[in-house]
C-alpha atoms as a PDB file:
ATOM      1  CA  MET A   1     -36.047  22.370  83.293  1.00  0.00           C
ATOM      2  CA  ARG A   2     -32.977  22.422  81.088  1.00  0.00           C
ATOM      3  CA  ARG A   3     -30.631  25.264  81.941  1.00  0.00           C
ATOM      4  CA  ALA A   4     -30.008  27.756  79.157  1.00  0.00           C
ATOM      5  CA  ALA A   5     -27.295  30.357  78.903  1.00  0.00           C
ATOM      6  CA  PRO A   6     -28.648  33.764  79.920  1.00  0.00           C
ATOM      7  CA  PRO A   7     -29.343  36.009  76.923  1.00  0.00           C
ATOM      8  CA  THR A   8     -27.446  39.223  76.489  1.00  0.00           C
ATOM      9  CA  VAL A   9     -29.228  41.944  78.404  1.00  0.00           C
ATOM     10  CA  PRO A  10     -29.533  44.524  75.580  1.00  0.00           C
ATOM     11  CA  GLY A  11     -31.018  41.925  73.288  1.00  0.00           C
ATOM     12  CA  VAL A  12     -33.654  40.813  75.782  1.00  0.00           C
ATOM     13  CA  LEU A  13     -34.631  44.292  76.983  1.00  0.00           C
ATOM     14  CA  ALA A  14     -37.876  44.497  75.001  1.00  0.00           C
ATOM     15  CA  SER A  15     -38.839  40.863  75.663  1.00  0.00           C
ATOM     16  CA  TRP A  16     -38.219  40.954  79.422  1.00  0.00           C
ATOM     17  CA  ARG A  17     -41.252  43.124  79.914  1.00  0.00           C
ATOM     18  CA  THR A  18     -43.191  39.961  80.812  1.00  0.00           C
ATOM     19  CA  LEU A  19     -41.306  37.391  82.877  1.00  0.00           C
ATOM     20  CA  PHE A  20     -43.189  34.493  84.393  1.00  0.00           C
ATOM     21  CA  ARG A  21     -42.419  31.173  86.054  1.00  0.00           C
ATOM     22  CA  GLY A  22     -43.888  28.884  83.443  1.00  0.00           C
ATOM     23  CA  ARG A  23     -47.194  30.711  83.098  1.00  0.00           C
ATOM     24  CA  ARG A  24     -48.756  33.444  81.008  1.00  0.00           C
ATOM     25  CA  ALA A  25     -50.395  36.608  82.234  1.00  0.00           C
ATOM     26  CA  ALA A  26     -53.889  37.500  81.168  1.00  0.00           C
ATOM     27  CA  VAL A  27     -54.079  40.728  79.233  1.00  0.00           C
ATOM     28  CA  ARG A  28     -57.057  42.605  80.566  1.00  0.00           C
ATOM     29  CA  PRO A  29     -58.399  46.118  80.755  1.00  0.00           C
ATOM     30  CA  ASP A  30     -58.296  48.155  83.909  1.00  0.00           C
ATOM     31  CA  ASP A  31     -60.712  46.610  86.411  1.00  0.00           C
ATOM     32  CA  ASP A  32     -59.672  48.490  89.528  1.00  0.00           C
ATOM     33  CA  GLY A  33     -62.824  50.582  89.491  1.00  0.00           C
ATOM     34  CA  ASP A  34     -63.515  53.802  87.674  1.00  0.00           C
ATOM     35  CA  PRO A  35     -60.178  55.631  87.224  1.00  0.00           C
ATOM     36  CA  PHE A  36     -62.105  58.858  86.568  1.00  0.00           C
ATOM     37  CA  ASP A  37     -63.975  59.099  89.863  1.00  0.00           C
ATOM     38  CA  ASP A  38     -64.989  62.259  91.740  1.00  0.00           C
ATOM     39  CA  GLU A  39     -61.593  62.650  93.386  1.00  0.00           C
ATOM     40  CA  PHE A  40     -59.889  62.429  90.006  1.00  0.00           C
ATOM     41  CA  GLN A  41     -62.202  65.096  88.585  1.00  0.00           C
ATOM     42  CA  ARG A  42     -61.504  67.437  91.517  1.00  0.00           C
ATOM     43  CA  LYS A  43     -57.799  67.142  90.770  1.00  0.00           C
ATOM     44  CA  LEU A  44     -58.503  68.017  87.134  1.00  0.00           C
ATOM     45  CA  ASP A  45     -60.108  71.294  88.183  1.00  0.00           C
ATOM     46  CA  TYR A  46     -57.005  72.122  90.224  1.00  0.00           C
ATOM     47  CA  LEU A  47     -54.699  71.349  87.303  1.00  0.00           C
ATOM     48  CA  ALA A  48     -56.772  73.489  84.950  1.00  0.00           C
ATOM     49  CA  LEU A  49     -56.559  76.359  87.441  1.00  0.00           C
ATOM     50  CA  VAL A  50     -52.775  75.997  87.628  1.00  0.00           C
ATOM     51  CA  SER A  51     -52.508  76.041  83.850  1.00  0.00           C
ATOM     52  CA  ARG A  52     -54.477  79.298  83.699  1.00  0.00           C
ATOM     53  CA  ARG A  53     -52.229  80.872  86.314  1.00  0.00           C
ATOM     54  CA  VAL A  54     -49.170  79.921  84.300  1.00  0.00           C
ATOM     55  CA  PHE A  55     -50.535  81.830  81.354  1.00  0.00           C
ATOM     56  CA  ALA A  56     -52.680  84.415  83.105  1.00  0.00           C
ATOM     57  CA  GLY A  57     -54.439  86.844  80.814  1.00  0.00           C
ATOM     58  CA  ARG A  58     -53.763  84.827  77.684  1.00  0.00           C
ATOM     59  CA  LEU A  59     -56.134  82.464  75.892  1.00  0.00           C
ATOM     60  CA  ARG A  60     -54.288  79.449  74.623  1.00  0.00           C
ATOM     61  CA  ALA A  61     -56.600  79.439  71.593  1.00  0.00           C
ATOM     62  CA  ASP A  62     -54.750  82.602  70.528  1.00  0.00           C
ATOM     63  CA  ARG A  63     -51.813  80.603  69.216  1.00  0.00           C
ATOM     64  CA  ARG A  64     -49.852  82.128  66.371  1.00  0.00           C
ATOM     65  CA  THR A  65     -49.050  79.588  63.697  1.00  0.00           C
ATOM     66  CA  LYS A  66     -46.174  79.748  61.241  1.00  0.00           C
ATOM     67  CA  LYS A  67     -48.593  80.431  58.404  1.00  0.00           C
ATOM     68  CA  SER A  68     -49.084  83.845  56.859  1.00  0.00           C
ATOM     69  CA  GLY A  69     -52.662  84.939  56.588  1.00  0.00           C
ATOM     70  CA  SER A  70     -55.108  87.705  57.401  1.00  0.00           C
ATOM     71  CA  GLY A  71     -54.356  88.133  61.098  1.00  0.00           C
ATOM     72  CA  VAL A  72     -53.463  91.364  62.876  1.00  0.00           C
ATOM     73  CA  GLU A  73     -49.882  90.607  63.946  1.00  0.00           C
ATOM     74  CA  PHE A  74     -47.280  91.802  61.418  1.00  0.00           C
ATOM     75  CA  ALA A  75     -44.946  89.031  60.206  1.00  0.00           C
ATOM     76  CA  ASP A  76     -42.894  90.156  57.181  1.00  0.00           C
ATOM     77  CA  HIS A  77     -42.814  91.835  53.776  1.00  0.00           C
ATOM     78  CA  ARG A  78     -42.694  90.416  50.279  1.00  0.00           C
ATOM     79  CA  ASP A  79     -42.442  91.998  46.865  1.00  0.00           C
ATOM     80  CA  TYR A  80     -45.639  93.231  45.271  1.00  0.00           C
ATOM     81  CA  GLN A  81     -47.077  90.968  42.577  1.00  0.00           C
ATOM     82  CA  PRO A  82     -49.732  92.025  40.034  1.00  0.00           C
ATOM     83  CA  GLY A  83     -53.136  91.237  41.472  1.00  0.00           C
ATOM     84  CA  ASP A  84     -52.179  91.769  45.137  1.00  0.00           C
ATOM     85  CA  ASP A  85     -54.636  93.745  47.260  1.00  0.00           C
ATOM     86  CA  PHE A  86     -53.544  97.414  47.373  1.00  0.00           C
ATOM     87  CA  ARG A  87     -54.789  97.628  50.973  1.00  0.00           C
ATOM     88  CA  TYR A  88     -51.789  95.566  52.101  1.00  0.00           C
ATOM     89  CA  LEU A  89     -49.148  97.708  50.440  1.00  0.00           C
ATOM     90  CA  ASP A  90     -46.754  99.317  52.895  1.00  0.00           C
ATOM     91  CA  TRP A  91     -46.809 102.959  51.780  1.00  0.00           C
ATOM     92  CA  ASN A  92     -44.308 104.018  54.423  1.00  0.00           C
ATOM     93  CA  VAL A  93     -41.714 101.747  52.860  1.00  0.00           C
ATOM     94  CA  TYR A  94     -42.620 103.057  49.403  1.00  0.00           C
ATOM     95  CA  GLN A  95     -42.108 106.680  50.487  1.00  0.00           C
ATOM     96  CA  ARG A  96     -38.668 105.900  51.890  1.00  0.00           C
ATOM     97  CA  PHE A  97     -37.318 103.404  49.350  1.00  0.00           C
ATOM     98  CA  GLU A  98     -39.694 103.642  46.376  1.00  0.00           C
ATOM     99  CA  LYS A  99     -40.289  99.904  46.555  1.00  0.00           C
ATOM    100  CA  LEU A 100     -43.695  98.257  46.506  1.00  0.00           C
ATOM    101  CA  LEU A 101     -43.843  95.740  49.334  1.00  0.00           C
ATOM    102  CA  VAL A 102     -46.858  93.841  50.639  1.00  0.00           C
ATOM    103  CA  ARG A 103     -47.297  93.395  54.396  1.00  0.00           C
ATOM    104  CA  LEU A 104     -47.761  89.820  55.640  1.00  0.00           C
ATOM    105  CA  PHE A 105     -49.503  88.928  58.897  1.00  0.00           C
ATOM    106  CA  GLU A 106     -49.430  85.911  61.194  1.00  0.00           C
ATOM    107  CA  GLU A 107     -52.620  83.924  61.050  1.00  0.00           C
ATOM    108  CA  GLU A 108     -54.113  82.884  64.389  1.00  0.00           C
ATOM    109  CA  GLU A 109     -55.978  79.664  65.057  1.00  0.00           C
ATOM    110  CA  ASP A 110     -56.633  77.296  67.917  1.00  0.00           C
ATOM    111  CA  LEU A 111     -54.000  74.652  68.537  1.00  0.00           C
ATOM    112  CA  ALA A 112     -54.682  71.048  67.552  1.00  0.00           C
ATOM    113  CA  ILE A 113     -53.539  68.657  70.300  1.00  0.00           C
ATOM    114  CA  TYR A 114     -53.310  64.942  69.576  1.00  0.00           C
ATOM    115  CA  LEU A 115     -52.951  62.528  72.495  1.00  0.00           C
ATOM    116  CA  ILE A 116     -51.473  59.272  71.161  1.00  0.00           C
ATOM    117  CA  LEU A 117     -51.967  56.455  73.673  1.00  0.00           C
ATOM    118  CA  ASP A 118     -49.974  53.233  73.298  1.00  0.00           C
ATOM    119  CA  ALA A 119     -52.498  50.443  73.888  1.00  0.00           C
ATOM    120  CA  SER A 120     -50.255  47.491  73.009  1.00  0.00           C
ATOM    121  CA  ALA A 121     -50.166  44.382  75.193  1.00  0.00           C
ATOM    122  CA  SER A 122     -46.998  45.457  77.009  1.00  0.00           C
ATOM    123  CA  MET A 123     -48.941  48.297  78.627  1.00  0.00           C
ATOM    124  CA  ALA A 124     -50.878  45.615  80.567  1.00  0.00           C
ATOM    125  CA  PHE A 125     -47.781  44.172  82.221  1.00  0.00           C
ATOM    126  CA  GLY A 126     -48.459  42.933  85.755  1.00  0.00           C
ATOM    127  CA  ARG A 127     -51.670  44.436  87.069  1.00  0.00           C
ATOM    128  CA  GLY A 128     -52.123  46.745  84.092  1.00  0.00           C
ATOM    129  CA  ASP A 129     -50.870  49.723  86.098  1.00  0.00           C
ATOM    130  CA  LYS A 130     -49.064  51.295  83.147  1.00  0.00           C
ATOM    131  CA  LEU A 131     -52.162  51.524  81.000  1.00  0.00           C
ATOM    132  CA  SER A 132     -54.312  52.745  83.888  1.00  0.00           C
ATOM    133  CA  TYR A 133     -51.738  55.433  84.670  1.00  0.00           C
ATOM    134  CA  ALA A 134     -51.431  56.396  81.000  1.00  0.00           C
ATOM    135  CA  LYS A 135     -55.215  56.801  80.749  1.00  0.00           C
ATOM    136  CA  LYS A 136     -55.198  59.216  83.685  1.00  0.00           C
ATOM    137  CA  VAL A 137     -52.361  61.213  82.151  1.00  0.00           C
ATOM    138  CA  CYS A 138     -54.231  61.450  78.836  1.00  0.00           C
ATOM    139  CA  ALA A 139     -57.460  62.481  80.563  1.00  0.00           C
ATOM    140  CA  ALA A 140     -55.692  65.161  82.622  1.00  0.00           C
ATOM    141  CA  LEU A 141     -53.854  66.641  79.629  1.00  0.00           C
ATOM    142  CA  ALA A 142     -57.075  66.546  77.608  1.00  0.00           C
ATOM    143  CA  TYR A 143     -58.982  68.413  80.317  1.00  0.00           C
ATOM    144  CA  VAL A 144     -56.350  71.142  80.627  1.00  0.00           C
ATOM    145  CA  ALA A 145     -56.341  71.618  76.858  1.00  0.00           C
ATOM    146  CA  LEU A 146     -60.140  71.572  76.581  1.00  0.00           C
ATOM    147  CA  ALA A 147     -60.488  74.071  79.429  1.00  0.00           C
ATOM    148  CA  ASN A 148     -58.183  76.417  77.552  1.00  0.00           C
ATOM    149  CA  LEU A 149     -60.070  76.176  74.257  1.00  0.00           C
ATOM    150  CA  ASP A 150     -57.704  73.930  72.327  1.00  0.00           C
ATOM    151  CA  ARG A 151     -58.970  71.219  70.003  1.00  0.00           C
ATOM    152  CA  VAL A 152     -58.221  67.745  71.369  1.00  0.00           C
ATOM    153  CA  SER A 153     -58.153  64.363  69.624  1.00  0.00           C
ATOM    154  CA  ILE A 154     -57.164  60.997  71.121  1.00  0.00           C
ATOM    155  CA  VAL A 155     -55.690  58.120  69.141  1.00  0.00           C
ATOM    156  CA  THR A 156     -54.851  54.617  70.405  1.00  0.00           C
ATOM    157  CA  THR A 157     -52.140  52.543  68.731  1.00  0.00           C
ATOM    158  CA  ASN A 158     -50.200  49.294  68.795  1.00  0.00           C
ATOM    159  CA  ASP A 159     -48.707  48.398  65.387  1.00  0.00           C
ATOM    160  CA  ARG A 160     -51.554  50.335  63.797  1.00  0.00           C
ATOM    161  CA  VAL A 161     -54.109  52.986  64.660  1.00  0.00           C
ATOM    162  CA  MET A 162     -56.679  51.124  66.763  1.00  0.00           C
ATOM    163  CA  GLY A 163     -59.183  53.794  67.722  1.00  0.00           C
ATOM    164  CA  ARG A 164     -59.754  57.506  67.407  1.00  0.00           C
ATOM    165  CA  MET A 165     -61.764  60.113  69.270  1.00  0.00           C
ATOM    166  CA  PRO A 166     -62.389  62.966  66.797  1.00  0.00           C
ATOM    167  CA  GLY A 167     -61.290  66.476  67.685  1.00  0.00           C
ATOM    168  CA  THR A 168     -63.453  68.341  70.173  1.00  0.00           C
ATOM    169  CA  ARG A 169     -63.366  71.604  72.168  1.00  0.00           C
ATOM    170  CA  GLY A 170     -64.677  72.839  75.514  1.00  0.00           C
ATOM    171  CA  LYS A 171     -64.152  71.326  78.946  1.00  0.00           C
ATOM    172  CA  VAL A 172     -67.672  69.857  79.083  1.00  0.00           C
ATOM    173  CA  ARG A 173     -66.377  67.383  76.485  1.00  0.00           C
ATOM    174  CA  ILE A 174     -64.198  65.743  79.122  1.00  0.00           C
ATOM    175  CA  PHE A 175     -66.926  63.132  79.693  1.00  0.00           C
ATOM    176  CA  LYS A 176     -66.562  62.136  76.044  1.00  0.00           C
ATOM    177  CA  VAL A 177     -62.859  61.655  76.777  1.00  0.00           C
ATOM    178  CA  PHE A 178     -63.675  59.494  79.825  1.00  0.00           C
ATOM    179  CA  ARG A 179     -66.017  57.288  77.792  1.00  0.00           C
ATOM    180  CA  PHE A 180     -63.422  56.792  75.074  1.00  0.00           C
ATOM    181  CA  LEU A 181     -60.576  55.954  77.462  1.00  0.00           C
ATOM    182  CA  ARG A 182     -62.663  53.542  79.547  1.00  0.00           C
ATOM    183  CA  GLU A 183     -63.135  51.349  76.467  1.00  0.00           C
ATOM    184  CA  VAL A 184     -59.432  51.082  75.636  1.00  0.00           C
ATOM    185  CA  VAL A 185     -58.208  47.479  75.980  1.00  0.00           C
ATOM    186  CA  PRO A 186     -54.519  46.566  75.560  1.00  0.00           C
ATOM    187  CA  GLU A 187     -53.749  44.196  72.712  1.00  0.00           C
ATOM    188  CA  GLY A 188     -51.278  43.500  69.937  1.00  0.00           C
ATOM    189  CA  ILE A 189     -47.629  44.245  69.308  1.00  0.00           C
ATOM    190  CA  THR A 190     -45.868  47.597  69.383  1.00  0.00           C
ATOM    191  CA  ASP A 191     -44.717  49.233  66.153  1.00  0.00           C
ATOM    192  CA  LEU A 192     -44.770  52.987  66.616  1.00  0.00           C
ATOM    193  CA  GLY A 193     -43.199  53.596  63.216  1.00  0.00           C
ATOM    194  CA  ASP A 194     -46.001  51.918  61.253  1.00  0.00           C
ATOM    195  CA  ALA A 195     -48.772  53.180  63.530  1.00  0.00           C
ATOM    196  CA  LEU A 196     -47.649  56.800  63.366  1.00  0.00           C
ATOM    197  CA  LYS A 197     -47.212  56.668  59.588  1.00  0.00           C
ATOM    198  CA  THR A 198     -50.926  55.925  59.461  1.00  0.00           C
ATOM    199  CA  PHE A 199     -51.600  58.647  62.024  1.00  0.00           C
ATOM    200  CA  VAL A 200     -49.860  61.404  60.035  1.00  0.00           C
ATOM    201  CA  ALA A 201     -51.607  60.268  56.844  1.00  0.00           C
ATOM    202  CA  GLN A 202     -55.001  60.522  58.550  1.00  0.00           C
ATOM    203  CA  ASN A 203     -54.388  63.917  60.193  1.00  0.00           C
ATOM    204  CA  LYS A 204     -53.505  66.630  57.725  1.00  0.00           C
ATOM    205  CA  ARG A 205     -53.818  69.388  60.295  1.00  0.00           C
ATOM    206  CA  ARG A 206     -50.507  69.614  62.123  1.00  0.00           C
ATOM    207  CA  GLY A 207     -50.244  70.316  65.823  1.00  0.00           C
ATOM    208  CA  LEU A 208     -48.890  69.063  69.128  1.00  0.00           C
ATOM    209  CA  ALA A 209     -48.639  65.247  69.256  1.00  0.00           C
ATOM    210  CA  VAL A 210     -48.272  63.870  72.805  1.00  0.00           C
ATOM    211  CA  LEU A 211     -47.046  60.272  72.704  1.00  0.00           C
ATOM    212  CA  VAL A 212     -47.890  58.360  75.922  1.00  0.00           C
ATOM    213  CA  SER A 213     -46.132  54.998  75.769  1.00  0.00           C
ATOM    214  CA  ASP A 214     -43.753  52.605  77.506  1.00  0.00           C
ATOM    215  CA  LEU A 215     -41.699  52.769  74.259  1.00  0.00           C
ATOM    216  CA  TYR A 216     -41.069  49.011  74.220  1.00  0.00           C
ATOM    217  CA  ASP A 217     -40.804  48.879  70.444  1.00  0.00           C
ATOM    218  CA  PRO A 218     -38.622  46.046  69.042  1.00  0.00           C
ATOM    219  CA  SER A 219     -38.088  48.026  65.827  1.00  0.00           C
ATOM    220  CA  GLY A 220     -36.919  51.089  67.768  1.00  0.00           C
ATOM    221  CA  PHE A 221     -38.806  53.902  69.484  1.00  0.00           C
ATOM    222  CA  GLU A 222     -36.927  56.421  67.299  1.00  0.00           C
ATOM    223  CA  LYS A 223     -38.964  55.616  64.181  1.00  0.00           C
ATOM    224  CA  GLY A 224     -42.251  56.748  65.647  1.00  0.00           C
ATOM    225  CA  ILE A 225     -40.911  59.998  67.075  1.00  0.00           C
ATOM    226  CA  ASN A 226     -39.076  60.802  63.847  1.00  0.00           C
ATOM    227  CA  THR A 227     -42.230  60.133  61.836  1.00  0.00           C
ATOM    228  CA  LEU A 228     -43.953  62.895  63.801  1.00  0.00           C
ATOM    229  CA  ARG A 229     -40.988  65.256  63.447  1.00  0.00           C
ATOM    230  CA  TYR A 230     -40.521  64.726  59.714  1.00  0.00           C
ATOM    231  CA  ASN A 231     -44.216  65.352  59.077  1.00  0.00           C
ATOM    232  CA  LYS A 232     -44.135  68.717  60.900  1.00  0.00           C
ATOM    233  CA  PHE A 233     -45.954  67.680  64.061  1.00  0.00           C
ATOM    234  CA  ASP A 234     -44.570  68.893  67.399  1.00  0.00           C
ATOM    235  CA  PRO A 235     -43.921  65.702  69.396  1.00  0.00           C
ATOM    236  CA  PHE A 236     -44.007  65.555  73.183  1.00  0.00           C
ATOM    237  CA  VAL A 237     -43.000  62.230  74.747  1.00  0.00           C
ATOM    238  CA  VAL A 238     -44.464  60.937  78.015  1.00  0.00           C
ATOM    239  CA  HIS A 239     -42.493  57.750  78.734  1.00  0.00           C
ATOM    240  CA  VAL A 240     -44.529  55.509  81.058  1.00  0.00           C
ATOM    241  CA  VAL A 241     -42.112  53.650  83.341  1.00  0.00           C
ATOM    242  CA  ASP A 242     -42.886  50.897  85.861  1.00  0.00           C
ATOM    243  CA  PRO A 243     -39.831  50.598  88.167  1.00  0.00           C
ATOM    244  CA  SER A 244     -40.777  47.021  89.109  1.00  0.00           C
ATOM    245  CA  GLU A 245     -39.932  45.945  85.559  1.00  0.00           C
ATOM    246  CA  ALA A 246     -36.280  46.799  86.147  1.00  0.00           C
ATOM    247  CA  GLN A 247     -36.086  44.506  89.185  1.00  0.00           C
ATOM    248  CA  PRO A 248     -38.240  41.401  88.645  1.00  0.00           C
ATOM    249  CA  LYS A 249     -38.432  39.175  91.713  1.00  0.00           C
ATOM    250  CA  LEU A 250     -37.204  36.031  90.001  1.00  0.00           C
ATOM    251  CA  HIS A 251     -34.459  33.480  90.558  1.00  0.00           C
ATOM    252  CA  GLY A 252     -33.359  30.216  89.024  1.00  0.00           C
ATOM    253  CA  ASP A 253     -34.777  28.520  85.928  1.00  0.00           C
ATOM    254  CA  VAL A 254     -37.674  30.486  84.474  1.00  0.00           C
ATOM    255  CA  LEU A 255     -39.610  30.728  81.246  1.00  0.00           C
ATOM    256  CA  LEU A 256     -39.340  34.122  79.614  1.00  0.00           C
ATOM    257  CA  TYR A 257     -42.491  34.948  77.685  1.00  0.00           C
ATOM    258  CA  ASP A 258     -43.163  37.972  75.462  1.00  0.00           C
ATOM    259  CA  CYS A 259     -46.793  38.994  75.894  1.00  0.00           C
ATOM    260  CA  GLU A 260     -46.894  40.683  72.485  1.00  0.00           C
ATOM    261  CA  THR A 261     -45.193  38.184  70.172  1.00  0.00           C
ATOM    262  CA  GLY A 262     -45.780  34.997  72.179  1.00  0.00           C
ATOM    263  CA  GLN A 263     -42.121  34.024  71.915  1.00  0.00           C
ATOM    264  CA  GLU A 264     -40.720  31.975  74.791  1.00  0.00           C
ATOM    265  CA  ARG A 265     -37.205  31.303  76.018  1.00  0.00           C
ATOM    266  CA  GLU A 266     -35.784  29.354  78.921  1.00  0.00           C
ATOM    267  CA  VAL A 267     -33.255  31.256  80.978  1.00  0.00           C
ATOM    268  CA  THR A 268     -31.432  30.886  84.259  1.00  0.00           C
ATOM    269  CA  VAL A 269     -31.863  34.024  86.364  1.00  0.00           C
ATOM    270  CA  THR A 270     -28.989  34.836  88.698  1.00  0.00           C
ATOM    271  CA  GLY A 271     -28.121  37.910  90.716  1.00  0.00           C
ATOM    272  CA  ASN A 272     -25.599  38.902  88.057  1.00  0.00           C
ATOM    273  CA  VAL A 273     -28.184  38.626  85.265  1.00  0.00           C
ATOM    274  CA  LEU A 274     -30.663  40.748  87.216  1.00  0.00           C
ATOM    275  CA  ALA A 275     -28.005  43.381  87.902  1.00  0.00           C
ATOM    276  CA  ARG A 276     -27.069  43.555  84.226  1.00  0.00           C
ATOM    277  CA  PHE A 277     -30.703  43.799  83.231  1.00  0.00           C
ATOM    278  CA  SER A 278     -31.373  46.597  85.723  1.00  0.00           C
ATOM    279  CA  GLN A 279     -28.407  48.508  84.298  1.00  0.00           C
ATOM    280  CA  ALA A 280     -29.638  47.977  80.749  1.00  0.00           C
ATOM    281  CA  HIS A 281     -33.125  49.170  81.716  1.00  0.00           C
ATOM    282  CA  ALA A 282     -31.703  52.387  83.194  1.00  0.00           C
ATOM    283  CA  ALA A 283     -29.487  52.844  80.125  1.00  0.00           C
ATOM    284  CA  TYR A 284     -32.514  52.458  77.856  1.00  0.00           C
ATOM    285  CA  ILE A 285     -34.403  55.235  79.652  1.00  0.00           C
ATOM    286  CA  ALA A 286     -31.294  57.417  79.465  1.00  0.00           C
ATOM    287  CA  ASP A 287     -31.017  56.700  75.720  1.00  0.00           C
ATOM    288  CA  VAL A 288     -34.600  57.862  75.167  1.00  0.00           C
ATOM    289  CA  ASP A 289     -33.902  61.024  77.168  1.00  0.00           C
ATOM    290  CA  ARG A 290     -30.746  61.766  75.163  1.00  0.00           C
ATOM    291  CA  PHE A 291     -32.458  61.100  71.846  1.00  0.00           C
ATOM    292  CA  CYS A 292     -35.261  63.543  72.655  1.00  0.00           C
ATOM    293  CA  ALA A 293     -32.919  66.183  74.082  1.00  0.00           C
ATOM    294  CA  ALA A 294     -30.713  66.094  70.979  1.00  0.00           C
ATOM    295  CA  ARG A 295     -33.769  66.771  68.804  1.00  0.00           C
ATOM    296  CA  GLN A 296     -35.400  69.300  71.130  1.00  0.00           C
ATOM    297  CA  VAL A 297     -38.368  67.032  71.754  1.00  0.00           C
ATOM    298  CA  PRO A 298     -39.894  67.614  75.215  1.00  0.00           C
ATOM    299  CA  TYR A 299     -39.559  64.415  77.263  1.00  0.00           C
ATOM    300  CA  ILE A 300     -40.941  63.277  80.620  1.00  0.00           C
ATOM    301  CA  ALA A 301     -40.183  59.936  82.285  1.00  0.00           C
ATOM    302  CA  ALA A 302     -43.534  59.131  83.916  1.00  0.00           C
ATOM    303  CA  ASN A 303     -42.905  56.806  86.861  1.00  0.00           C
ATOM    304  CA  ILE A 304     -46.243  55.157  87.632  1.00  0.00           C
ATOM    305  CA  GLU A 305     -45.505  55.466  91.364  1.00  0.00           C
ATOM    306  CA  THR A 306     -45.670  59.264  90.989  1.00  0.00           C
ATOM    307  CA  PRO A 307     -49.182  60.649  91.628  1.00  0.00           C
ATOM    308  CA  PHE A 308     -50.602  61.589  88.232  1.00  0.00           C
ATOM    309  CA  ASP A 309     -51.326  65.200  89.251  1.00  0.00           C
ATOM    310  CA  GLU A 310     -47.685  65.687  90.272  1.00  0.00           C
ATOM    311  CA  LEU A 311     -46.660  64.279  86.905  1.00  0.00           C
ATOM    312  CA  ILE A 312     -48.907  66.769  85.081  1.00  0.00           C
ATOM    313  CA  LEU A 313     -47.337  69.635  87.026  1.00  0.00           C
ATOM    314  CA  ARG A 314     -43.949  68.341  85.872  1.00  0.00           C
ATOM    315  CA  VAL A 315     -45.256  68.488  82.294  1.00  0.00           C
ATOM    316  CA  PHE A 316     -46.191  72.134  82.837  1.00  0.00           C
ATOM    317  CA  ARG A 317     -42.773  72.940  84.274  1.00  0.00           C
ATOM    318  CA  ARG A 318     -40.996  71.063  81.495  1.00  0.00           C
ATOM    319  CA  GLY A 319     -42.609  73.254  78.864  1.00  0.00           C
ATOM    320  CA  GLY A 320     -43.774  72.291  75.415  1.00  0.00           C
ATOM    321  CA  PHE A 321     -47.392  71.503  76.319  1.00  0.00           C
ATOM    322  CA  LEU A 322     -48.531  74.905  77.554  1.00  0.00           C
ATOM    323  CA  ARG A 323     -47.356  77.540  75.096  1.00  0.00           C
END
């Protein structure tokens, strides 16, 4: 094989997700058995119990929105306008200041939670562990939300919205979640910006949007997160990370192949190239963390070697999912 100069590490970061010695990997769904077996379901019950203890005595369906409506919790005053209901006039204020003001109240409604699962081809890297792990994370978060009376929807994306499980409530609906997630097959390229533009157009009801993705987006992970922010969703980022991707066991002349675009490039892998790539991979994760922190977006780096139930407990401790 002809030797080629090694590419710059930052430029190859997204493409290096699939490195092979002259062969291509088959993109396949999870075939390691049922990820939602009895043991998994027992862990879900434990996580739901923990979530209730965190917010003991408080139904998470009793979420106060930023809208003013006909609730019971006082929010503010506004000037009286002809036609306003006299029952909402604040007579105490009138007696003191001789001003007619109408009382406004915070409207209460259940929280809409959207779980956005990246199902692009890069999530099937290697043995497909990233996608399998991401499915478990989505199922666990869905169960906790359903058990606490929130309305849960699941959306799968690559460069578009691929599939959607309509909103549902009640923990008995978890089997509907299992059925939906079992059918998810990784395919296509990643473009979170375009996919989430479609998502916000299709979902007029705003709420918590949990993005579960490896964030390998050639056009930039920032676009997708900003699309959620600018359209008044509350994003929460679960960054699925496979540590083996930062240290591929390769040496010499290899063929670098991008599983999403099909692009190939010959490269000579040396110890120095691998070290630079590992540094760039760590810097990329740090960049995502800094981006989210600067915009007050809750962020969790989800190492697939971490048991999923421990990861969910980290989500609880991080805040932003349970409110």
